[in-house]
Amino acid sequence: MKASEEQHIEYEALDVLIVGAGISGLGMSYTLKKKRPHNSFAVIESRENFGGTWDLFKYPGIRSDSDMYTFAFSFKPWTDREYIATAERIQHYLGELVRDEGLNQYIRFQQKVKAANWDSTKNRWLVTISRADGSEYHIAAKFFTCCSGYYNYDKGYLPDFEGFDDFKGTIAHPQKWPQELDYSGKKVIVIGSGATAVTIVPAMAKKAAHVTMLQRSPSYIVSRPASDVLFRVLSQVLPAGLTNRIMRLKYTTLQQMSFVLSKKFPDFVRKIVRKMNVKALDGAADVDTHFNPDYQPWDQRMALVPDADLFNSVRTGKSTIVTDHIDRFTETGVLTKNGTHIDADIIVPATGLDLQLWGNINLSVDGHKVHGNKLTNYKGMMFSQLPNFVWVFGYTNSSWTLKAELTFDYVCRLLDYMEQHGHDSVYPYRNPDAPRENIVGLKSGYILRKLDELPSQGSEFPWCNKDLYVKDLLAIKHSKLADNVLRFDDNKPLADFHKPAADVHSS
């Protein structure tokens, strides 16, 4: 947009703009309301309801893959006996927060951020918002907080299966689940081995004639009790707040111990998981064929199943695990590479997410498009030479919300600091030629497919995000804001950094 055109646009002035009304956006809203009540802010939500992931996905059995003592907010204790929660219960929990704290007044539903340009002359994000009816309006925001998650809400990832259109039955993608689908007495194939697949298989097996989980390669799958004995005891004698703090400490410790042990002693952890799987399956499936991943523990997320429901489904014969590559779809099912044909009435391609940066917003700085692969991540939330911008991104090796809450708090601290010192802009500065590494250590398919589009990280803090909550408590929550990395009110390097290389050389 030309400067002359911008002069004729009316902008609504806001202190903070939040994109997304999922668990991150609601948590950011609550924290701003409590800690910065004088700030004006709005939440832009493209869908008709809040909740993000927990309102979008409707497939059978959808549930959390983290314990709710750490996935729920510290300021709103989880009080249910079951700590691996269904999407319905999580949505109810978020609804209580929205109602009790009056957060609905800040959310603008069925609106979408089309473009956001940082204007260094105004020290504002100039944002274009589209409404459901196609009309547009504009916001000038001092600070931009992206809480829209990391995947494409419009579609999931679907490999190019040969013969896909030949199948005469029903294709039900988890991200676009047909609510009228009746799978009672049907033969079902679920393609995949991640958290979605291991959730869908036992849930559908309750009514289906049979469910086959067809996986190209196995994943680590760990069973946990659906409820916690310690919580049941403590909740009878202690206040909810104190009980919640104890349970959060327990599960935060367990998560971090599991991750650290997996990285330092991967063979030991592999043996423990294998032993658990052997016991749970009781000879119903070959563990070394179907539950023996070709990667080390926590190179990808471990799948959590409550009360061994997946293993029980296999053991009772309601479902079967097949480990093989797909040759092609047929009219009546799937043919595998080894020549086995699996009959199906319904095929569920639980084949993963389509990773997407910043909700596909057209992001620019002084008119130059922001390319994610040029950026370096700072403290797991900000980016080099990207001013007044925070992306709320949770942990990959433990509960998302633990890191998200650290980010909420950091944003408020940063806004306090800028207000006290009269600063208008801030960004972490990093030499563009400094060495960079992959932003996350996970080797999940949805990350590897988009690795060349993602920001990077460095090898040392604050440019390296180790995903360790205990360290982050000290390094983020209690660290000094003026760290000689953050630059305040220095917009001069921005335009050259974001210019295409050819423009920089020509100038």
Protein backbone atom coordinates (compact mmCIF):
# COMPACT_ATOMS: atom_id res chain seq x y z
CA MET A 1 0.00 0.00 0.00
CA LYS A 2 1.39 3.40 -0.98
CA ALA A 3 1.92 6.09 1.67
CA SER A 4 -0.54 8.40 -0.09
CA GLU A 5 -3.22 5.73 0.13
CA GLU A 6 -2.54 5.10 3.84
CA GLN A 7 -3.15 8.77 4.62
CA HIS A 8 -6.80 8.43 3.60
CA ILE A 9 -7.46 5.29 5.66
CA GLU A 10 -9.11 5.55 9.05
CA TYR A 11 -7.40 3.40 11.65
CA GLU A 12 -8.83 2.17 14.92
CA ALA A 13 -6.13 2.69 17.54
CA LEU A 14 -5.32 -0.23 19.86
CA ASP A 15 -2.51 -0.89 22.27
CA VAL A 16 -2.41 -4.64 21.59
CA LEU A 17 -3.87 -6.75 18.80
CA ILE A 18 -4.27 -10.48 19.49
CA VAL A 19 -4.83 -12.89 16.62
CA GLY A 20 -6.68 -16.08 17.55
CA ALA A 21 -9.14 -16.97 20.31
CA GLY A 22 -7.83 -20.42 21.08
CA ILE A 23 -6.25 -21.36 24.38
CA SER A 24 -3.30 -19.01 23.73
CA GLY A 25 -5.42 -16.04 22.71
CA LEU A 26 -7.78 -16.44 25.67
CA GLY A 27 -4.86 -16.76 28.08
CA MET A 28 -3.20 -13.67 26.61
CA SER A 29 -6.49 -11.76 26.91
CA TYR A 30 -6.95 -12.76 30.54
CA THR A 31 -3.38 -11.78 31.44
CA LEU A 32 -3.61 -8.39 29.71
CA LYS A 33 -6.93 -7.68 31.39
CA LYS A 34 -5.47 -8.46 34.82
CA LYS A 35 -1.99 -6.98 34.51
CA ARG A 36 -2.53 -4.13 32.04
CA PRO A 37 -6.15 -3.05 32.58
CA HIS A 38 -5.50 0.38 31.06
CA ASN A 39 -4.50 -1.12 27.71
CA SER A 40 -6.96 -1.32 24.81
CA PHE A 41 -6.90 -4.62 22.95
CA ALA A 42 -8.97 -6.84 20.68
CA VAL A 43 -8.89 -10.48 19.67
CA ILE A 44 -9.43 -11.29 15.99
CA GLU A 45 -10.94 -14.76 15.48
CA SER A 46 -11.71 -16.12 12.02
CA ARG A 47 -14.13 -18.75 13.26
CA GLU A 48 -17.61 -18.45 14.81
CA ASN A 49 -16.48 -19.60 18.23
CA PHE A 50 -13.51 -19.47 20.59
CA GLY A 51 -11.44 -22.53 21.48
CA GLY A 52 -9.23 -22.96 18.43
CA THR A 53 -8.18 -26.60 18.10
CA TRP A 54 -10.75 -27.72 20.65
CA ASP A 55 -13.62 -26.22 18.71
CA LEU A 56 -12.30 -27.10 15.23
CA PHE A 57 -11.72 -30.84 15.47
CA LYS A 58 -14.78 -33.07 15.80
CA TYR A 59 -13.42 -36.55 15.17
CA PRO A 60 -14.34 -39.42 17.53
CA GLY A 61 -12.49 -39.49 20.83
CA ILE A 62 -10.64 -36.19 20.44
CA ARG A 63 -8.83 -35.40 23.67
CA SER A 64 -5.76 -33.71 25.09
CA ASP A 65 -2.40 -35.38 24.62
CA SER A 66 -1.03 -33.69 27.75
CA ASP A 67 -2.16 -33.84 31.35
CA MET A 68 -4.67 -31.12 32.17
CA TYR A 69 -2.93 -30.07 35.38
CA THR A 70 -0.23 -28.43 33.27
CA PHE A 71 -2.25 -27.88 30.08
CA ALA A 72 -4.91 -25.91 31.95
CA PHE A 73 -4.04 -22.40 33.10
CA SER A 74 -2.35 -21.90 36.46
CA PHE A 75 -4.89 -19.16 37.21
CA LYS A 76 -7.84 -21.51 36.61
CA PRO A 77 -7.20 -24.89 38.27
CA TRP A 78 -8.30 -28.10 36.60
CA THR A 79 -10.74 -29.76 38.99
CA ASP A 80 -11.97 -32.80 37.05
CA ARG A 81 -11.03 -36.29 38.17
CA GLU A 82 -10.00 -37.23 34.60
CA TYR A 83 -6.85 -35.37 33.67
CA ILE A 84 -6.68 -36.48 30.02
CA ALA A 85 -9.66 -34.45 28.90
CA THR A 86 -12.03 -34.65 25.97
CA ALA A 87 -12.27 -31.70 23.59
CA GLU A 88 -15.82 -31.13 24.84
CA ARG A 89 -14.63 -30.78 28.43
CA ILE A 90 -11.74 -28.50 27.44
CA GLN A 91 -14.13 -26.30 25.48
CA HIS A 92 -16.42 -26.15 28.52
CA TYR A 93 -13.43 -25.16 30.67
CA LEU A 94 -12.52 -22.36 28.25
CA GLY A 95 -16.16 -21.29 28.14
CA GLU A 96 -16.13 -20.87 31.92
CA LEU A 97 -13.10 -18.61 31.63
CA VAL A 98 -14.66 -16.50 28.88
CA ARG A 99 -17.91 -16.12 30.82
CA ASP A 100 -16.42 -15.51 34.26
CA GLU A 101 -13.86 -12.98 33.04
CA GLY A 102 -16.02 -11.26 30.43
CA LEU A 103 -13.55 -12.00 27.63
CA ASN A 104 -16.25 -12.15 24.96
CA GLN A 105 -16.29 -8.35 24.84
CA TYR A 106 -12.79 -8.39 23.34
CA ILE A 107 -13.31 -11.11 20.71
CA ARG A 108 -14.33 -10.20 17.16
CA PHE A 109 -15.63 -13.39 15.58
CA GLN A 110 -15.64 -14.25 11.88
CA GLN A 111 -12.95 -11.72 11.13
CA LYS A 112 -9.54 -12.38 9.66
CA VAL A 113 -6.26 -10.50 9.57
CA LYS A 114 -5.38 -10.21 5.89
CA ALA A 115 -2.24 -8.11 6.15
CA ALA A 116 -0.12 -6.38 8.77
CA ASN A 117 2.64 -3.91 7.96
CA TRP A 118 5.01 -2.44 10.52
CA ASP A 119 5.41 1.26 9.79
CA SER A 120 8.66 2.53 11.30
CA THR A 121 7.61 6.15 10.88
CA LYS A 122 4.52 5.59 13.05
CA ASN A 123 5.82 2.79 15.31
CA ARG A 124 2.59 0.94 14.64
CA TRP A 125 1.38 -2.22 13.03
CA LEU A 126 -1.07 -1.12 10.33
CA VAL A 127 -3.46 -4.03 10.01
CA THR A 128 -6.16 -4.86 7.48
CA ILE A 129 -9.08 -6.90 8.83
CA SER A 130 -11.72 -8.60 6.67
CA ARG A 131 -15.22 -9.38 7.92
CA ALA A 132 -17.41 -12.34 6.95
CA ASP A 133 -19.41 -10.14 4.55
CA GLY A 134 -16.26 -9.20 2.64
CA SER A 135 -15.94 -5.68 4.02
CA GLU A 136 -12.69 -4.47 5.53
CA TYR A 137 -11.50 -2.11 8.24
CA HIS A 138 -8.11 -1.12 9.64
CA ILE A 139 -6.34 -1.12 12.98
CA ALA A 140 -3.19 0.69 14.07
CA ALA A 141 -1.74 -1.42 16.90
CA LYS A 142 1.26 -0.65 19.07
CA PHE A 143 1.92 -4.33 19.73
CA PHE A 144 1.02 -7.47 17.73
CA THR A 145 0.55 -10.83 19.45
CA CYS A 146 0.00 -13.86 17.23
CA CYS A 147 -1.91 -16.64 19.03
CA SER A 148 -3.18 -18.44 15.94
CA GLY A 149 -1.27 -21.69 16.45
CA TYR A 150 1.05 -23.29 13.94
CA TYR A 151 -1.12 -25.12 11.42
CA ASN A 152 -3.57 -24.40 8.63
CA TYR A 153 -7.13 -24.44 9.99
CA ASP A 154 -8.61 -24.73 6.49
CA LYS A 155 -7.05 -28.06 5.60
CA GLY A 156 -4.80 -30.78 6.93
CA TYR A 157 -1.95 -32.56 5.19
CA LEU A 158 -2.97 -35.23 2.69
CA PRO A 159 -0.28 -37.19 0.79
CA ASP A 160 -0.72 -37.83 -2.91
CA PHE A 161 -2.05 -41.38 -2.67
CA GLU A 162 -2.18 -43.26 -5.97
CA GLY A 163 -5.75 -44.22 -6.85
CA PHE A 164 -7.19 -41.94 -4.17
CA ASP A 165 -10.24 -41.10 -6.29
CA ASP A 166 -10.88 -44.76 -7.08
CA PHE A 167 -12.11 -45.52 -3.58
CA LYS A 168 -15.91 -45.87 -3.59
CA GLY A 169 -16.38 -45.60 0.16
CA THR A 170 -16.17 -42.57 2.48
CA ILE A 171 -13.04 -40.50 3.11
CA ALA A 172 -13.21 -38.76 6.51
CA HIS A 173 -10.30 -36.42 7.21
CA PRO A 174 -9.94 -35.68 10.95
CA GLN A 175 -9.78 -31.93 10.33
CA LYS A 176 -12.97 -31.95 8.25
CA TRP A 177 -14.91 -34.66 10.05
CA PRO A 178 -18.42 -35.24 8.63
CA GLN A 179 -20.67 -35.02 11.68
CA GLU A 180 -23.40 -37.13 10.06
CA LEU A 181 -21.01 -40.04 9.48
CA ASP A 182 -22.37 -43.31 10.87
CA TYR A 183 -19.60 -45.87 11.18
CA SER A 184 -21.59 -48.48 13.13
CA GLY A 185 -20.80 -51.93 11.77
CA LYS A 186 -18.39 -50.51 9.18
CA LYS A 187 -14.87 -51.59 8.28
CA VAL A 188 -12.50 -48.69 8.87
CA ILE A 189 -8.89 -47.95 7.96
CA VAL A 190 -7.13 -45.22 9.92
CA ILE A 191 -3.91 -44.16 8.17
CA GLY A 192 -1.29 -42.83 10.54
CA SER A 193 0.50 -43.51 13.83
CA GLY A 194 0.50 -40.16 15.64
CA ALA A 195 -1.66 -38.74 18.40
CA THR A 196 -4.71 -38.33 16.15
CA ALA A 197 -4.60 -41.90 14.87
CA VAL A 198 -4.12 -43.50 18.28
CA THR A 199 -7.10 -41.48 19.55
CA ILE A 200 -9.44 -42.28 16.66
CA VAL A 201 -8.76 -46.04 16.47
CA PRO A 202 -10.08 -47.10 19.91
CA ALA A 203 -12.92 -44.56 19.76
CA MET A 204 -14.23 -45.80 16.41
CA ALA A 205 -13.62 -49.45 17.34
CA LYS A 206 -16.38 -49.21 19.95
CA LYS A 207 -19.04 -49.11 17.20
CA ALA A 208 -17.27 -50.15 13.99
CA ALA A 209 -17.13 -53.73 12.78
CA HIS A 210 -13.35 -53.49 12.75
CA VAL A 211 -10.68 -50.77 12.63
CA THR A 212 -7.28 -51.22 11.01
CA MET A 213 -4.56 -48.78 11.96
CA LEU A 214 -2.32 -48.67 8.89
CA GLN A 215 1.01 -47.06 9.67
CA ARG A 216 4.05 -46.51 7.50
CA SER A 217 6.25 -46.59 10.61
CA PRO A 218 5.56 -46.93 14.35
CA SER A 219 5.48 -44.22 17.01
CA TYR A 220 6.24 -44.29 20.72
CA ILE A 221 2.97 -44.87 22.55
CA VAL A 222 2.70 -44.66 26.33
CA SER A 223 -0.32 -45.51 28.47
CA ARG A 224 -1.26 -43.58 31.59
CA PRO A 225 -4.21 -43.95 33.99
CA ALA A 226 -7.08 -41.64 33.04
CA SER A 227 -7.28 -40.31 36.60
CA ASP A 228 -4.65 -39.62 39.23
CA VAL A 229 -4.76 -41.17 42.72
CA LEU A 230 -2.81 -38.30 44.27
CA PHE A 231 -5.31 -35.77 42.91
CA ARG A 232 -8.25 -37.78 44.22
CA VAL A 233 -6.72 -37.79 47.72
CA LEU A 234 -5.53 -34.17 47.78
CA SER A 235 -8.75 -32.74 46.36
CA GLN A 236 -10.63 -34.18 49.34
CA VAL A 237 -8.54 -32.37 51.94
CA LEU A 238 -6.90 -29.33 50.30
CA PRO A 239 -8.22 -26.20 48.57
CA ALA A 240 -8.37 -26.39 44.76
CA GLY A 241 -5.59 -23.84 44.30
CA LEU A 242 -3.10 -25.69 46.50
CA THR A 243 -4.04 -29.06 45.00
CA ASN A 244 -3.50 -27.62 41.55
CA ARG A 245 -0.03 -26.29 42.43
CA ILE A 246 1.03 -29.70 43.74
CA MET A 247 -0.31 -31.49 40.66
CA ARG A 248 1.34 -29.01 38.30
CA LEU A 249 4.64 -29.54 40.08
CA LYS A 250 4.28 -33.31 39.83
CA TYR A 251 3.47 -33.39 36.13
CA THR A 252 5.92 -30.66 35.14
CA THR A 253 8.64 -32.69 36.86
CA LEU A 254 7.54 -35.91 35.16
CA GLN A 255 7.45 -34.25 31.73
CA GLN A 256 10.92 -32.76 32.08
CA MET A 257 12.41 -35.95 33.52
CA SER A 258 10.96 -37.98 30.65
CA PHE A 259 12.43 -35.62 28.07
CA VAL A 260 15.87 -35.34 29.68
CA LEU A 261 16.14 -39.09 30.23
CA SER A 262 15.08 -39.72 26.63
CA LYS A 263 17.82 -37.44 25.32
CA LYS A 264 20.58 -38.67 27.64
CA PHE A 265 19.64 -42.37 27.79
CA PRO A 266 17.50 -43.11 24.71
CA ASP A 267 18.11 -46.87 24.72
CA PHE A 268 17.06 -47.11 28.36
CA VAL A 269 13.82 -45.20 27.71
CA ARG A 270 13.13 -47.28 24.60
CA LYS A 271 13.40 -50.44 26.69
CA ILE A 272 11.02 -49.06 29.32
CA VAL A 273 8.40 -48.13 26.71
CA ARG A 274 8.79 -51.50 24.99
CA LYS A 275 8.27 -53.33 28.29
CA MET A 276 5.09 -51.31 28.93
CA ASN A 277 3.80 -52.08 25.43
CA VAL A 278 4.50 -55.81 25.77
CA LYS A 279 2.54 -55.95 29.01
CA ALA A 280 -0.37 -53.90 27.63
CA LEU A 281 -0.70 -55.97 24.44
CA ASP A 282 -0.30 -59.36 26.14
CA GLY A 283 0.74 -61.05 22.91
CA ALA A 284 -2.03 -59.57 20.74
CA ALA A 285 0.46 -57.87 18.39
CA ASP A 286 4.17 -58.04 17.62
CA VAL A 287 5.68 -55.17 19.57
CA ASP A 288 8.95 -55.18 17.62
CA THR A 289 7.07 -54.80 14.33
CA HIS A 290 4.32 -52.35 15.24
CA PHE A 291 5.67 -50.43 18.25
CA ASN A 292 9.40 -50.13 17.54
CA PRO A 293 10.09 -46.69 16.00
CA ASP A 294 13.14 -46.10 13.83
CA TYR A 295 13.94 -42.88 15.71
CA GLN A 296 14.96 -42.13 19.27
CA PRO A 297 12.47 -41.21 22.03
CA TRP A 298 11.32 -37.58 21.77
CA ASP A 299 12.74 -37.04 18.29
CA GLN A 300 8.98 -36.84 17.75
CA ARG A 301 6.26 -36.36 20.36
CA MET A 302 5.28 -39.45 22.31
CA ALA A 303 1.62 -40.38 21.96
CA LEU A 304 -0.27 -40.64 25.26
CA VAL A 305 -3.23 -43.00 25.61
CA PRO A 306 -5.47 -43.15 28.72
CA ASP A 307 -6.06 -46.46 30.46
CA ALA A 308 -4.33 -48.33 27.59
CA ASP A 309 -7.41 -47.89 25.39
CA LEU A 310 -5.54 -48.47 22.11
CA PHE A 311 -3.82 -51.59 23.44
CA ASN A 312 -7.10 -52.89 24.86
CA SER A 313 -8.76 -52.42 21.47
CA VAL A 314 -6.04 -54.47 19.78
CA ARG A 315 -6.07 -57.11 22.50
CA THR A 316 -9.83 -57.64 22.22
CA GLY A 317 -9.66 -57.94 18.43
CA LYS A 318 -11.67 -54.79 17.73
CA SER A 319 -8.70 -53.24 15.95
CA THR A 320 -5.55 -54.36 14.17
CA ILE A 321 -2.19 -52.71 13.55
CA VAL A 322 -0.64 -53.07 10.08
CA THR A 323 2.84 -51.66 9.47
CA ASP A 324 3.46 -51.26 5.75
CA HIS A 325 3.62 -48.67 2.98
CA ILE A 326 0.58 -47.95 0.85
CA ASP A 327 0.84 -49.00 -2.77
CA ARG A 328 -2.49 -47.56 -3.85
CA PHE A 329 -6.12 -47.01 -2.99
CA THR A 330 -8.62 -49.35 -4.63
CA GLU A 331 -12.38 -49.23 -5.05
CA THR A 332 -12.83 -51.24 -1.86
CA GLY A 333 -9.89 -50.33 0.33
CA VAL A 334 -6.11 -50.08 0.31
CA LEU A 335 -3.42 -52.25 -1.27
CA THR A 336 -0.11 -52.25 0.63
CA LYS A 337 3.38 -52.61 -0.82
CA ASN A 338 3.67 -56.20 0.35
CA GLY A 339 0.54 -57.10 -1.61
CA THR A 340 -1.98 -57.21 1.24
CA HIS A 341 -5.40 -55.77 0.49
CA ILE A 342 -7.28 -54.21 3.41
CA ASP A 343 -11.02 -53.86 2.84
CA ALA A 344 -12.74 -50.70 4.07
CA ASP A 345 -16.03 -48.85 3.98
CA ILE A 346 -14.40 -45.75 5.51
CA ILE A 347 -10.83 -44.47 5.27
CA VAL A 348 -9.54 -41.91 7.77
CA PRO A 349 -6.28 -40.27 6.61
CA ALA A 350 -4.84 -39.14 9.97
CA THR A 351 -1.78 -38.05 8.04
CA GLY A 352 -0.88 -34.90 9.88
CA LEU A 353 -1.10 -31.15 9.91
CA ASP A 354 -0.24 -28.56 7.30
CA LEU A 355 2.14 -26.27 9.17
CA GLN A 356 1.48 -22.58 8.67
CA LEU A 357 3.25 -19.51 10.05
CA TRP A 358 1.22 -16.78 11.72
CA GLY A 359 -2.16 -17.83 10.37
CA ASN A 360 -1.03 -17.09 6.80
CA ILE A 361 -1.10 -13.34 7.47
CA ASN A 362 0.63 -11.23 4.83
CA LEU A 363 3.25 -9.82 7.20
CA SER A 364 5.55 -6.99 6.14
CA VAL A 365 7.98 -4.45 7.60
CA ASP A 366 8.08 -1.01 6.00
CA GLY A 367 6.43 -2.48 2.94
CA HIS A 368 8.83 -5.43 2.57
CA LYS A 369 7.36 -8.92 2.92
CA VAL A 370 8.57 -10.83 5.99
CA HIS A 371 10.11 -14.18 5.07
CA GLY A 372 10.08 -16.55 8.02
CA ASN A 373 13.28 -18.32 6.97
CA LYS A 374 15.26 -15.08 7.35
CA LEU A 375 14.32 -14.73 11.02
CA THR A 376 15.94 -16.11 14.16
CA ASN A 377 13.81 -16.95 17.16
CA TYR A 378 14.42 -15.15 20.46
CA LYS A 379 13.42 -16.80 23.76
CA GLY A 380 10.88 -18.92 21.90
CA MET A 381 8.56 -15.95 21.31
CA MET A 382 10.12 -13.00 19.41
CA PHE A 383 12.10 -12.79 16.17
CA SER A 384 15.17 -10.95 14.97
CA GLN A 385 14.43 -7.57 13.42
CA LEU A 386 10.65 -8.00 13.80
CA PRO A 387 9.45 -5.17 16.06
CA ASN A 388 6.67 -5.22 18.65
CA PHE A 389 5.74 -8.76 17.64
CA VAL A 390 5.31 -11.91 19.74
CA TRP A 391 4.28 -15.37 18.57
CA VAL A 392 2.83 -17.48 21.37
CA PHE A 393 4.26 -20.93 20.77
CA GLY A 394 4.08 -23.59 23.46
CA TYR A 395 6.43 -26.43 24.31
CA THR A 396 6.82 -29.38 21.96
CA ASN A 397 8.01 -31.76 24.68
CA SER A 398 5.49 -30.91 27.41
CA SER A 399 2.29 -28.96 27.87
CA TRP A 400 1.79 -26.10 25.43
CA THR A 401 0.37 -23.84 28.13
CA LEU A 402 3.44 -23.87 30.36
CA LYS A 403 5.44 -21.91 27.78
CA ALA A 404 2.40 -19.91 26.69
CA GLU A 405 1.92 -18.56 30.22
CA LEU A 406 5.56 -17.53 30.40
CA THR A 407 4.99 -15.64 27.16
CA PHE A 408 1.83 -13.91 28.46
CA ASP A 409 3.78 -12.71 31.48
CA TYR A 410 6.77 -11.63 29.38
CA VAL A 411 4.60 -9.53 27.05
CA CYS A 412 3.11 -7.66 30.03
CA ARG A 413 6.55 -7.12 31.58
CA LEU A 414 7.87 -5.83 28.27
CA LEU A 415 4.94 -3.46 27.85
CA ASP A 416 5.47 -2.22 31.41
CA TYR A 417 9.15 -1.58 30.69
CA MET A 418 8.47 0.25 27.44
CA GLU A 419 5.83 2.40 29.10
CA GLN A 420 8.08 3.29 32.03
CA HIS A 421 11.00 4.23 29.77
CA GLY A 422 9.01 5.91 27.02
CA HIS A 423 9.91 3.41 24.29
CA ASP A 424 7.75 2.93 21.21
CA SER A 425 9.42 -0.02 19.52
CA VAL A 426 11.46 -3.07 20.44
CA TYR A 427 12.94 -6.06 18.66
CA PRO A 428 15.79 -8.52 19.29
CA TYR A 429 18.74 -7.74 17.02
CA ARG A 430 20.85 -10.52 15.54
CA ASN A 431 23.57 -10.25 12.94
CA PRO A 432 22.04 -11.67 9.73
CA ASP A 433 25.27 -13.62 9.09
CA ALA A 434 25.29 -15.34 12.49
CA PRO A 435 25.11 -19.16 12.37
CA ARG A 436 21.64 -20.66 12.66
CA GLU A 437 20.07 -24.02 13.49
CA ASN A 438 16.63 -25.63 13.10
CA ILE A 439 14.07 -23.92 15.30
CA VAL A 440 12.85 -27.16 16.93
CA GLY A 441 14.50 -30.50 17.55
CA LEU A 442 11.46 -32.57 16.60
CA LYS A 443 11.64 -34.60 13.40
CA SER A 444 7.89 -34.87 12.92
CA GLY A 445 6.67 -34.98 9.33
CA TYR A 446 4.67 -31.76 9.51
CA ILE A 447 7.83 -29.89 10.59
CA LEU A 448 10.22 -31.51 8.10
CA ARG A 449 7.85 -30.74 5.21
CA LYS A 450 8.08 -26.99 5.90
CA LEU A 451 11.57 -26.72 7.39
CA ASP A 452 12.87 -24.46 4.64
CA GLU A 453 10.11 -21.92 5.37
CA LEU A 454 10.57 -21.74 9.14
CA PRO A 455 12.58 -19.29 11.25
CA SER A 456 15.80 -20.60 12.77
CA GLN A 457 17.41 -20.45 16.18
CA GLY A 458 20.97 -20.02 17.40
CA SER A 459 23.09 -22.31 19.53
CA GLU A 460 23.03 -20.29 22.76
CA PHE A 461 20.43 -18.51 24.88
CA PRO A 462 18.55 -16.23 24.21
CA TRP A 463 18.58 -17.38 20.59
CA CYS A 464 18.30 -21.07 21.46
CA ASN A 465 15.05 -22.49 22.80
CA LYS A 466 15.82 -25.67 24.78
CA ASP A 467 12.19 -26.39 25.71
CA LEU A 468 13.02 -26.83 29.39
CA TYR A 469 10.45 -25.23 31.65
CA VAL A 470 12.60 -24.99 34.78
CA LYS A 471 15.33 -23.14 32.89
CA ASP A 472 12.78 -20.88 31.21
CA LEU A 473 11.33 -19.89 34.58
CA LEU A 474 14.66 -18.28 35.39
CA ALA A 475 15.74 -17.21 31.93
CA ILE A 476 12.42 -15.68 30.86
CA LYS A 477 10.20 -14.99 33.84
CA HIS A 478 12.93 -13.56 36.08
CA SER A 479 15.48 -12.22 33.60
CA LYS A 480 16.30 -8.58 32.89
CA LEU A 481 14.52 -7.15 29.88
CA ALA A 482 17.40 -4.87 28.88
CA ASP A 483 19.81 -7.65 27.88
CA ASN A 484 21.88 -5.92 25.15
CA VAL A 485 19.98 -7.98 22.58
CA LEU A 486 16.68 -6.12 22.58
CA ARG A 487 16.87 -2.83 20.72
CA PHE A 488 14.50 -0.04 21.63
CA ASP A 489 13.48 2.79 19.29
CA ASP A 490 16.02 1.85 16.63
CA ASN A 491 14.14 1.19 13.41
CA LYS A 492 16.98 2.03 11.02
CA PRO A 493 18.20 -1.54 10.36
CA LEU A 494 14.72 -2.93 9.69
CA ALA A 495 14.04 -2.00 6.07
CA ASP A 496 17.42 -3.24 4.79
CA PHE A 497 17.05 -6.51 6.69
CA HIS A 498 13.67 -7.26 5.16
CA LYS A 499 14.43 -6.03 1.64
CA PRO A 500 14.91 -8.74 -0.98
CA ALA A 501 18.61 -9.44 -1.49
CA ALA A 502 18.64 -7.90 -4.99
CA ASP A 503 17.21 -4.62 -3.67
CA VAL A 504 19.80 -4.43 -0.89
CA HIS A 505 22.70 -4.91 -3.33
CA SER A 506 21.30 -2.38 -5.81
CA SER A 507 20.91 0.28 -3.12
